[in-house]
PDB file of N, CA and C in Angstrom:
ATOM      1  N   MET A   1     -27.879  -5.509  22.646  1.00  0.00           N
ATOM      2  CA  MET A   1     -26.852  -6.364  23.212  1.00  0.00           C
ATOM      3  C   MET A   1     -26.332  -5.817  24.542  1.00  0.00           C
ATOM      4  N   GLU A   2     -26.898  -4.732  24.989  1.00  0.00           N
ATOM      5  CA  GLU A   2     -26.477  -4.141  26.260  1.00  0.00           C
ATOM      6  C   GLU A   2     -26.713  -5.112  27.417  1.00  0.00           C
ATOM      7  N   ARG A   3     -27.852  -5.776  27.417  1.00  0.00           N
ATOM      8  CA  ARG A   3     -28.187  -6.734  28.478  1.00  0.00           C
ATOM      9  C   ARG A   3     -27.210  -7.910  28.461  1.00  0.00           C
ATOM     10  N   ARG A   4     -26.853  -8.372  27.274  1.00  0.00           N
ATOM     11  CA  ARG A   4     -25.907  -9.486  27.132  1.00  0.00           C
ATOM     12  C   ARG A   4     -24.558  -9.115  27.752  1.00  0.00           C
ATOM     13  N   GLU A   5     -24.078  -7.921  27.460  1.00  0.00           N
ATOM     14  CA  GLU A   5     -22.793  -7.478  28.005  1.00  0.00           C
ATOM     15  C   GLU A   5     -22.849  -7.378  29.527  1.00  0.00           C
ATOM     16  N   GLU A   6     -23.989  -6.911  30.039  1.00  0.00           N
ATOM     17  CA  GLU A   6     -24.149  -6.815  31.490  1.00  0.00           C
ATOM     18  C   GLU A   6     -24.110  -8.201  32.136  1.00  0.00           C
ATOM     19  N   LEU A   7     -24.801  -9.163  31.543  1.00  0.00           N
ATOM     20  CA  LEU A   7     -24.809 -10.523  32.079  1.00  0.00           C
ATOM     21  C   LEU A   7     -23.415 -11.151  32.013  1.00  0.00           C
ATOM     22  N   LEU A   8     -22.717 -10.937  30.906  1.00  0.00           N
ATOM     23  CA  LEU A   8     -21.361 -11.470  30.782  1.00  0.00           C
ATOM     24  C   LEU A   8     -20.428 -10.845  31.810  1.00  0.00           C
ATOM     25  N   ALA A   9     -20.614  -9.554  32.096  1.00  0.00           N
ATOM     26  CA  ALA A   9     -19.797  -8.891  33.122  1.00  0.00           C
ATOM     27  C   ALA A   9     -20.093  -9.479  34.498  1.00  0.00           C
ATOM     28  N   TRP A  10     -21.362  -9.760  34.784  1.00  0.00           N
ATOM     29  CA  TRP A  10     -21.707 -10.366  36.077  1.00  0.00           C
ATOM     30  C   TRP A  10     -21.094 -11.750  36.215  1.00  0.00           C
ATOM     31  N   ILE A  11     -21.111 -12.521  35.132  1.00  0.00           N
ATOM     32  CA  ILE A  11     -20.508 -13.858  35.168  1.00  0.00           C
ATOM     33  C   ILE A  11     -19.010 -13.740  35.437  1.00  0.00           C
ATOM     34  N   ALA A  12     -18.353 -12.802  34.770  1.00  0.00           N
ATOM     35  CA  ALA A  12     -16.912 -12.608  34.981  1.00  0.00           C
ATOM     36  C   ALA A  12     -16.627 -12.168  36.418  1.00  0.00           C
ATOM     37  N   ASP A  13     -17.468 -11.279  36.965  1.00  0.00           N
ATOM     38  CA  ASP A  13     -17.289 -10.844  38.352  1.00  0.00           C
ATOM     39  C   ASP A  13     -17.434 -12.012  39.324  1.00  0.00           C
ATOM     40  N   THR A  14     -18.392 -12.861  39.059  1.00  0.00           N
ATOM     41  CA  THR A  14     -18.613 -14.006  39.935  1.00  0.00           C
ATOM     42  C   THR A  14     -17.445 -14.985  39.859  1.00  0.00           C
ATOM     43  N   HIS A  15     -16.886 -15.166  38.668  1.00  0.00           N
ATOM     44  CA  HIS A  15     -15.711 -16.035  38.534  1.00  0.00           C
ATOM     45  C   HIS A  15     -14.523 -15.463  39.303  1.00  0.00           C
ATOM     46  N   ARG A  16     -14.353 -14.139  39.241  1.00  0.00           N
ATOM     47  CA  ARG A  16     -13.267 -13.505  40.016  1.00  0.00           C
ATOM     48  C   ARG A  16     -13.485 -13.715  41.512  1.00  0.00           C
ATOM     49  N   LEU A  17     -14.723 -13.565  41.952  1.00  0.00           N
ATOM     50  CA  LEU A  17     -15.030 -13.780  43.360  1.00  0.00           C
ATOM     51  C   LEU A  17     -14.731 -15.219  43.768  1.00  0.00           C
ATOM     52  N   GLN A  18     -15.088 -16.178  42.921  1.00  0.00           N
ATOM     53  CA  GLN A  18     -14.809 -17.582  43.228  1.00  0.00           C
ATOM     54  C   GLN A  18     -13.306 -17.842  43.338  1.00  0.00           C
ATOM     55  N   ARG A  19     -12.517 -17.206  42.470  1.00  0.00           N
ATOM     56  CA  ARG A  19     -11.058 -17.379  42.560  1.00  0.00           C
ATOM     57  C   ARG A  19     -10.524 -16.809  43.863  1.00  0.00           C
ATOM     58  N   LYS A  20     -11.053 -15.657  44.291  1.00  0.00           N
ATOM     59  CA  LYS A  20     -10.634 -15.069  45.567  1.00  0.00           C
ATOM     60  C   LYS A  20     -11.021 -15.977  46.729  1.00  0.00           C
ATOM     61  N   LEU A  21     -12.235 -16.491  46.684  1.00  0.00           N
ATOM     62  CA  LEU A  21     -12.693 -17.389  47.746  1.00  0.00           C
ATOM     63  C   LEU A  21     -11.844 -18.658  47.790  1.00  0.00           C
ATOM     64  N   ALA A  22     -11.420 -19.127  46.626  1.00  0.00           N
ATOM     65  CA  ALA A  22     -10.582 -20.329  46.562  1.00  0.00           C
ATOM     66  C   ALA A  22      -9.213 -20.094  47.193  1.00  0.00           C
ATOM     67  N   MET A  23      -8.807 -18.848  47.339  1.00  0.00           N
ATOM     68  CA  MET A  23      -7.552 -18.539  48.030  1.00  0.00           C
ATOM     69  C   MET A  23      -7.776 -18.314  49.522  1.00  0.00           C
ATOM     70  N   VAL A  24      -8.915 -17.752  49.874  1.00  0.00           N
ATOM     71  CA  VAL A  24      -9.179 -17.395  51.272  1.00  0.00           C
ATOM     72  C   VAL A  24      -9.564 -18.614  52.113  1.00  0.00           C
ATOM     73  N   PHE A  25     -10.442 -19.447  51.612  1.00  0.00           N
ATOM     74  CA  PHE A  25     -10.940 -20.555  52.429  1.00  0.00           C
ATOM     75  C   PHE A  25      -9.868 -21.581  52.807  1.00  0.00           C
ATOM     76  N   PRO A  26      -8.924 -21.933  51.940  1.00  0.00           N
ATOM     77  CA  PRO A  26      -7.860 -22.840  52.399  1.00  0.00           C
ATOM     78  C   PRO A  26      -7.023 -22.238  53.531  1.00  0.00           C
ATOM     79  N   VAL A  27      -6.771 -20.943  53.453  1.00  0.00           N
ATOM     80  CA  VAL A  27      -6.017 -20.283  54.526  1.00  0.00           C
ATOM     81  C   VAL A  27      -6.806 -20.347  55.833  1.00  0.00           C
ATOM     82  N   LEU A  28      -8.103 -20.068  55.754  1.00  0.00           N
ATOM     83  CA  LEU A  28      -8.937 -20.147  56.956  1.00  0.00           C
ATOM     84  C   LEU A  28      -9.003 -21.576  57.490  1.00  0.00           C
ATOM     85  N   GLY A  29      -8.991 -22.546  56.588  1.00  0.00           N
ATOM     86  CA  GLY A  29      -8.977 -23.944  57.013  1.00  0.00           C
ATOM     87  C   GLY A  29      -7.697 -24.293  57.757  1.00  0.00           C
ATOM     88  N   VAL A  30      -6.564 -23.815  57.264  1.00  0.00           N
ATOM     89  CA  VAL A  30      -5.283 -24.061  57.941  1.00  0.00           C
ATOM     90  C   VAL A  30      -5.267 -23.391  59.309  1.00  0.00           C
ATOM     91  N   VAL A  31      -5.784 -22.175  59.386  1.00  0.00           N
ATOM     92  CA  VAL A  31      -5.864 -21.481  60.679  1.00  0.00           C
ATOM     93  C   VAL A  31      -6.750 -22.267  61.637  1.00  0.00           C
ATOM     94  N   SER A  32      -7.851 -22.790  61.150  1.00  0.00           N
ATOM     95  CA  SER A  32      -8.757 -23.580  61.990  1.00  0.00           C
ATOM     96  C   SER A  32      -8.074 -24.850  62.495  1.00  0.00           C
ATOM     97  N   ILE A  33      -7.318 -25.502  61.629  1.00  0.00           N
ATOM     98  CA  ILE A  33      -6.596 -26.708  62.047  1.00  0.00           C
ATOM     99  C   ILE A  33      -5.537 -26.360  63.081  1.00  0.00           C
ATOM    100  N   ALA A  34      -4.868 -25.232  62.893  1.00  0.00           N
ATOM    101  CA  ALA A  34      -3.887 -24.788  63.889  1.00  0.00           C
ATOM    102  C   ALA A  34      -4.559 -24.506  65.229  1.00  0.00           C
ATOM    103  N   LEU A  35      -5.763 -23.944  65.179  1.00  0.00           N
ATOM    104  CA  LEU A  35      -6.517 -23.699  66.416  1.00  0.00           C
ATOM    105  C   LEU A  35      -6.846 -25.001  67.140  1.00  0.00           C
ATOM    106  N   MET A  36      -6.994 -26.074  66.389  1.00  0.00           N
ATOM    107  CA  MET A  36      -7.323 -27.354  67.012  1.00  0.00           C
ATOM    108  C   MET A  36      -6.188 -27.829  67.921  1.00  0.00           C
ATOM    109  N   PHE A  37      -4.947 -27.438  67.624  1.00  0.00           N
ATOM    110  CA  PHE A  37      -3.831 -27.808  68.485  1.00  0.00           C
ATOM    111  C   PHE A  37      -3.819 -26.994  69.768  1.00  0.00           C
ATOM    112  N   TRP A  38      -4.331 -25.780  69.718  1.00  0.00           N
ATOM    113  CA  TRP A  38      -4.371 -24.922  70.895  1.00  0.00           C
ATOM    114  C   TRP A  38      -5.605 -25.232  71.739  1.00  0.00           C
ATOM    115  N   ARG A  39      -6.767 -25.201  71.117  1.00  0.00           N
ATOM    116  CA  ARG A  39      -8.045 -25.525  71.755  1.00  0.00           C
ATOM    117  C   ARG A  39      -8.821 -26.411  70.799  1.00  0.00           C
ATOM    118  N   GLY A  40      -8.889 -27.677  71.094  1.00  0.00           N
ATOM    119  CA  GLY A  40      -9.496 -28.653  70.192  1.00  0.00           C
ATOM    120  C   GLY A  40     -10.911 -28.319  69.776  1.00  0.00           C
ATOM    121  N   ALA A  41     -11.753 -27.986  70.755  1.00  0.00           N
ATOM    122  CA  ALA A  41     -13.168 -27.721  70.446  1.00  0.00           C
ATOM    123  C   ALA A  41     -13.328 -26.452  69.619  1.00  0.00           C
ATOM    124  N   VAL A  42     -12.578 -25.431  69.955  1.00  0.00           N
ATOM    125  CA  VAL A  42     -12.668 -24.162  69.225  1.00  0.00           C
ATOM    126  C   VAL A  42     -12.201 -24.363  67.780  1.00  0.00           C
ATOM    127  N   GLY A  43     -11.087 -25.058  67.610  1.00  0.00           N
ATOM    128  CA  GLY A  43     -10.568 -25.308  66.269  1.00  0.00           C
ATOM    129  C   GLY A  43     -11.508 -26.160  65.439  1.00  0.00           C
ATOM    130  N   ALA A  44     -12.087 -27.192  66.046  1.00  0.00           N
ATOM    131  CA  ALA A  44     -13.022 -28.055  65.326  1.00  0.00           C
ATOM    132  C   ALA A  44     -14.265 -27.275  64.912  1.00  0.00           C
ATOM    133  N   PHE A  45     -14.772 -26.447  65.830  1.00  0.00           N
ATOM    134  CA  PHE A  45     -15.932 -25.622  65.503  1.00  0.00           C
ATOM    135  C   PHE A  45     -15.597 -24.660  64.362  1.00  0.00           C
ATOM    136  N   ALA A  46     -14.433 -24.022  64.437  1.00  0.00           N
ATOM    137  CA  ALA A  46     -14.022 -23.081  63.391  1.00  0.00           C
ATOM    138  C   ALA A  46     -13.884 -23.791  62.048  1.00  0.00           C
ATOM    139  N   LEU A  47     -13.331 -24.992  62.059  1.00  0.00           N
ATOM    140  CA  LEU A  47     -13.168 -25.748  60.817  1.00  0.00           C
ATOM    141  C   LEU A  47     -14.522 -26.103  60.203  1.00  0.00           C
ATOM    142  N   ILE A  48     -15.464 -26.496  61.035  1.00  0.00           N
ATOM    143  CA  ILE A  48     -16.809 -26.817  60.541  1.00  0.00           C
ATOM    144  C   ILE A  48     -17.480 -25.573  59.958  1.00  0.00           C
ATOM    145  N   VAL A  49     -17.343 -24.440  60.649  1.00  0.00           N
ATOM    146  CA  VAL A  49     -17.946 -23.196  60.156  1.00  0.00           C
ATOM    147  C   VAL A  49     -17.313 -22.789  58.824  1.00  0.00           C
ATOM    148  N   VAL A  50     -15.984 -22.864  58.740  1.00  0.00           N
ATOM    149  CA  VAL A  50     -15.307 -22.508  57.492  1.00  0.00           C
ATOM    150  C   VAL A  50     -15.774 -23.418  56.358  1.00  0.00           C
ATOM    151  N   ALA A  51     -15.868 -24.709  56.625  1.00  0.00           N
ATOM    152  CA  ALA A  51     -16.304 -25.649  55.592  1.00  0.00           C
ATOM    153  C   ALA A  51     -17.736 -25.344  55.132  1.00  0.00           C
ATOM    154  N   LEU A  52     -18.629 -25.089  56.076  1.00  0.00           N
ATOM    155  CA  LEU A  52     -20.019 -24.783  55.707  1.00  0.00           C
ATOM    156  C   LEU A  52     -20.129 -23.488  54.909  1.00  0.00           C
ATOM    157  N   VAL A  53     -19.411 -22.462  55.348  1.00  0.00           N
ATOM    158  CA  VAL A  53     -19.461 -21.180  54.630  1.00  0.00           C
ATOM    159  C   VAL A  53     -18.851 -21.330  53.232  1.00  0.00           C
ATOM    160  N   ALA A  54     -17.770 -22.103  53.120  1.00  0.00           N
ATOM    161  CA  ALA A  54     -17.144 -22.316  51.813  1.00  0.00           C
ATOM    162  C   ALA A  54     -18.098 -23.039  50.865  1.00  0.00           C
ATOM    163  N   ILE A  55     -18.720 -24.082  51.346  1.00  0.00           N
ATOM    164  CA  ILE A  55     -19.661 -24.833  50.509  1.00  0.00           C
ATOM    165  C   ILE A  55     -20.813 -23.940  50.064  1.00  0.00           C
ATOM    166  N   CYS A  56     -21.386 -23.209  50.999  1.00  0.00           N
ATOM    167  CA  CYS A  56     -22.516 -22.330  50.662  1.00  0.00           C
ATOM    168  C   CYS A  56     -22.090 -21.217  49.708  1.00  0.00           C
ATOM    169  N   SER A  57     -20.901 -20.668  49.906  1.00  0.00           N
ATOM    170  CA  SER A  57     -20.419 -19.589  49.042  1.00  0.00           C
ATOM    171  C   SER A  57     -20.266 -20.056  47.609  1.00  0.00           C
ATOM    172  N   PHE A  58     -19.651 -21.218  47.423  1.00  0.00           N
ATOM    173  CA  PHE A  58     -19.472 -21.712  46.064  1.00  0.00           C
ATOM    174  C   PHE A  58     -20.802 -22.146  45.453  1.00  0.00           C
ATOM    175  N   TRP A  59     -21.690 -22.669  46.269  1.00  0.00           N
ATOM    176  CA  TRP A  59     -23.005 -23.080  45.792  1.00  0.00           C
ATOM    177  C   TRP A  59     -23.791 -21.862  45.292  1.00  0.00           C
ATOM    178  N   VAL A  60     -23.789 -20.792  46.082  1.00  0.00           N
ATOM    179  CA  VAL A  60     -24.542 -19.593  45.723  1.00  0.00           C
ATOM    180  C   VAL A  60     -23.955 -18.926  44.479  1.00  0.00           C
ATOM    181  N   THR A  61     -22.627 -18.802  44.428  1.00  0.00           N
ATOM    182  CA  THR A  61     -22.025 -18.158  43.259  1.00  0.00           C
ATOM    183  C   THR A  61     -22.235 -18.993  41.993  1.00  0.00           C
ATOM    184  N   ALA A  62     -22.189 -20.308  42.125  1.00  0.00           N
ATOM    185  CA  ALA A  62     -22.461 -21.168  40.965  1.00  0.00           C
ATOM    186  C   ALA A  62     -23.917 -21.020  40.523  1.00  0.00           C
ATOM    187  N   ALA A  63     -24.828 -20.878  41.472  1.00  0.00           N
ATOM    188  CA  ALA A  63     -26.238 -20.687  41.130  1.00  0.00           C
ATOM    189  C   ALA A  63     -26.454 -19.351  40.422  1.00  0.00           C
ATOM    190  N   HIS A  64     -25.753 -18.311  40.873  1.00  0.00           N
ATOM    191  CA  HIS A  64     -25.860 -17.024  40.196  1.00  0.00           C
ATOM    192  C   HIS A  64     -25.398 -17.135  38.745  1.00  0.00           C
ATOM    193  N   ASN A  65     -24.265 -17.792  38.544  1.00  0.00           N
ATOM    194  CA  ASN A  65     -23.765 -17.947  37.180  1.00  0.00           C
ATOM    195  C   ASN A  65     -24.723 -18.768  36.326  1.00  0.00           C
ATOM    196  N   ALA A  66     -25.306 -19.805  36.888  1.00  0.00           N
ATOM    197  CA  ALA A  66     -26.275 -20.604  36.141  1.00  0.00           C
ATOM    198  C   ALA A  66     -27.482 -19.758  35.746  1.00  0.00           C
ATOM    199  N   SER A  67     -27.927 -18.908  36.649  1.00  0.00           N
ATOM    200  CA  SER A  67     -29.053 -18.025  36.352  1.00  0.00           C
ATOM    201  C   SER A  67     -28.697 -17.046  35.237  1.00  0.00           C
ATOM    202  N   HIS A  68     -27.505 -16.487  35.295  1.00  0.00           N
ATOM    203  CA  HIS A  68     -27.084 -15.549  34.251  1.00  0.00           C
ATOM    204  C   HIS A  68     -26.955 -16.250  32.902  1.00  0.00           C
ATOM    205  N   ARG A  69     -26.442 -17.477  32.906  1.00  0.00           N
ATOM    206  CA  ARG A  69     -26.341 -18.230  31.650  1.00  0.00           C
ATOM    207  C   ARG A  69     -27.725 -18.549  31.085  1.00  0.00           C
ATOM    208  N   GLN A  70     -28.677 -18.830  31.972  1.00  0.00           N
ATOM    209  CA  GLN A  70     -30.043 -19.095  31.525  1.00  0.00           C
ATOM    210  C   GLN A  70     -30.633 -17.841  30.873  1.00  0.00           C
ATOM    211  N   LYS A  71     -30.375 -16.684  31.466  1.00  0.00           N
ATOM    212  CA  LYS A  71     -30.871 -15.439  30.874  1.00  0.00           C
ATOM    213  C   LYS A  71     -30.220 -15.171  29.528  1.00  0.00           C
ATOM    214  N   LEU A  72     -28.930 -15.508  29.389  1.00  0.00           N
ATOM    215  CA  LEU A  72     -28.260 -15.373  28.096  1.00  0.00           C
ATOM    216  C   LEU A  72     -28.910 -16.282  27.051  1.00  0.00           C
ATOM    217  N   ALA A  73     -29.242 -17.487  27.460  1.00  0.00           N
ATOM    218  CA  ALA A  73     -29.907 -18.423  26.543  1.00  0.00           C
ATOM    219  C   ALA A  73     -31.278 -17.885  26.129  1.00  0.00           C
ATOM    220  N   GLU A  74     -31.999 -17.266  27.058  1.00  0.00           N
ATOM    221  CA  GLU A  74     -33.294 -16.683  26.722  1.00  0.00           C
ATOM    222  C   GLU A  74     -33.130 -15.539  25.726  1.00  0.00           C
ATOM    223  N   LEU A  75     -32.097 -14.725  25.917  1.00  0.00           N
ATOM    224  CA  LEU A  75     -31.836 -13.647  24.964  1.00  0.00           C
ATOM    225  C   LEU A  75     -31.545 -14.211  23.572  1.00  0.00           C
ATOM    226  N   ASP A  76     -30.801 -15.312  23.516  1.00  0.00           N
ATOM    227  CA  ASP A  76     -30.511 -15.955  22.236  1.00  0.00           C
ATOM    228  C   ASP A  76     -31.794 -16.471  21.577  1.00  0.00           C
ATOM    229  N   ARG A  77     -32.681 -17.065  22.387  1.00  0.00           N
ATOM    230  CA  ARG A  77     -33.940 -17.576  21.828  1.00  0.00           C
ATOM    231  C   ARG A  77     -34.804 -16.439  21.289  1.00  0.00           C
ATOM    232  N   VAL A  78     -34.837 -15.317  22.012  1.00  0.00           N
ATOM    233  CA  VAL A  78     -35.607 -14.170  21.536  1.00  0.00           C
ATOM    234  C   VAL A  78     -35.001 -13.649  20.235  1.00  0.00           C
ATOM    235  N   ALA A  79     -33.673 -13.602  20.163  1.00  0.00           N
ATOM    236  CA  ALA A  79     -33.014 -13.133  18.932  1.00  0.00           C
ATOM    237  C   ALA A  79     -33.321 -14.072  17.769  1.00  0.00           C
ATOM    238  N   ARG A  80     -33.310 -15.382  18.025  1.00  0.00           N
ATOM    239  CA  ARG A  80     -33.631 -16.351  16.966  1.00  0.00           C
ATOM    240  C   ARG A  80     -35.103 -16.250  16.547  1.00  0.00           C
ATOM    241  N   ASN A  81     -35.943 -15.781  17.462  1.00  0.00           N
ATOM    242  CA  ASN A  81     -37.367 -15.623  17.185  1.00  0.00           C
ATOM    243  C   ASN A  81     -37.643 -14.249  16.560  1.00  0.00           C
ATOM    244  N   GLU A  82     -36.596 -13.592  16.098  1.00  0.00           N
ATOM    245  CA  GLU A  82     -36.684 -12.289  15.436  1.00  0.00           C
ATOM    246  C   GLU A  82     -37.298 -11.227  16.335  1.00  0.00           C
ATOM    247  N   GLY A  83     -36.971 -11.289  17.632  1.00  0.00           N
ATOM    248  CA  GLY A  83     -37.406 -10.269  18.576  1.00  0.00           C
ATOM    249  C   GLY A  83     -38.837 -10.395  19.056  1.00  0.00           C
ATOM    250  N   LYS A  84     -39.561 -11.372  18.543  1.00  0.00           N
ATOM    251  CA  LYS A  84     -40.941 -11.569  18.995  1.00  0.00           C
ATOM    252  C   LYS A  84     -40.919 -12.209  20.379  1.00  0.00           C
ATOM    253  N   PRO A  85     -41.924 -11.917  21.198  1.00  0.00           N
ATOM    254  CA  PRO A  85     -41.952 -12.532  22.530  1.00  0.00           C
ATOM    255  C   PRO A  85     -42.102 -14.044  22.451  1.00  0.00           C
ATOM    256  N   LEU A  86     -41.489 -14.719  23.387  1.00  0.00           N
ATOM    257  CA  LEU A  86     -41.557 -16.172  23.445  1.00  0.00           C
ATOM    258  C   LEU A  86     -42.818 -16.599  24.178  1.00  0.00           C
ATOM    259  N   GLN A  87     -43.429 -17.648  23.703  1.00  0.00           N
ATOM    260  CA  GLN A  87     -44.575 -18.240  24.392  1.00  0.00           C
ATOM    261  C   GLN A  87     -44.133 -19.592  24.921  1.00  0.00           C
ATOM    262  N   THR A  88     -44.176 -19.753  26.217  1.00  0.00           N
ATOM    263  CA  THR A  88     -43.814 -21.028  26.825  1.00  0.00           C
ATOM    264  C   THR A  88     -44.930 -21.458  27.759  1.00  0.00           C
ATOM    265  N   ALA A  89     -44.873 -22.696  28.181  1.00  0.00           N
ATOM    266  CA  ALA A  89     -45.921 -23.221  29.056  1.00  0.00           C
ATOM    267  C   ALA A  89     -45.887 -22.565  30.427  1.00  0.00           C
ATOM    268  N   HIS A  90     -44.708 -22.179  30.887  1.00  0.00           N
ATOM    269  CA  HIS A  90     -44.610 -21.670  32.251  1.00  0.00           C
ATOM    270  C   HIS A  90     -44.509 -20.152  32.327  1.00  0.00           C
ATOM    271  N   ARG A  91     -44.337 -19.470  31.206  1.00  0.00           N
ATOM    272  CA  ARG A  91     -44.159 -18.029  31.260  1.00  0.00           C
ATOM    273  C   ARG A  91     -44.644 -17.398  29.953  1.00  0.00           C
ATOM    274  N   ARG A  92     -45.355 -16.316  30.062  1.00  0.00           N
ATOM    275  CA  ARG A  92     -45.766 -15.574  28.879  1.00  0.00           C
ATOM    276  C   ARG A  92     -45.100 -14.215  28.963  1.00  0.00           C
ATOM    277  N   TRP A  93     -44.474 -13.795  27.881  1.00  0.00           N
ATOM    278  CA  TRP A  93     -43.794 -12.502  27.846  1.00  0.00           C
ATOM    279  C   TRP A  93     -44.652 -11.538  27.038  1.00  0.00           C
ATOM    280  N   HIS A  94     -44.894 -10.384  27.580  1.00  0.00           N
ATOM    281  CA  HIS A  94     -45.674  -9.362  26.922  1.00  0.00           C
ATOM    282  C   HIS A  94     -44.824  -8.115  26.745  1.00  0.00           C
ATOM    283  N   HIS A  95     -45.138  -7.347  25.748  1.00  0.00           N
ATOM    284  CA  HIS A  95     -44.404  -6.095  25.520  1.00  0.00           C
ATOM    285  C   HIS A  95     -44.961  -5.013  26.380  1.00  0.00           C
TER     286      HIS A  95
END
């Protein structure tokens, strides 16, 4: 169960990171909007960059969590198979 605990810890770390990002990106968005009043083009560019980085950040962290959950599901299937390797159409596991 060591691998399971490691995967669960990674999922928890990623959730913490997402919560931090959810606090940082709105602040950066407000700063970008404020920049638009000083220099319109600079503020608009900054807002677009912040939006793109925010979208990509949440997309990547969500993908990591999905991958970790998939690995947890594979561990469950191996446990249900009494520790024998799984045979699937796309992957063969060998000892």
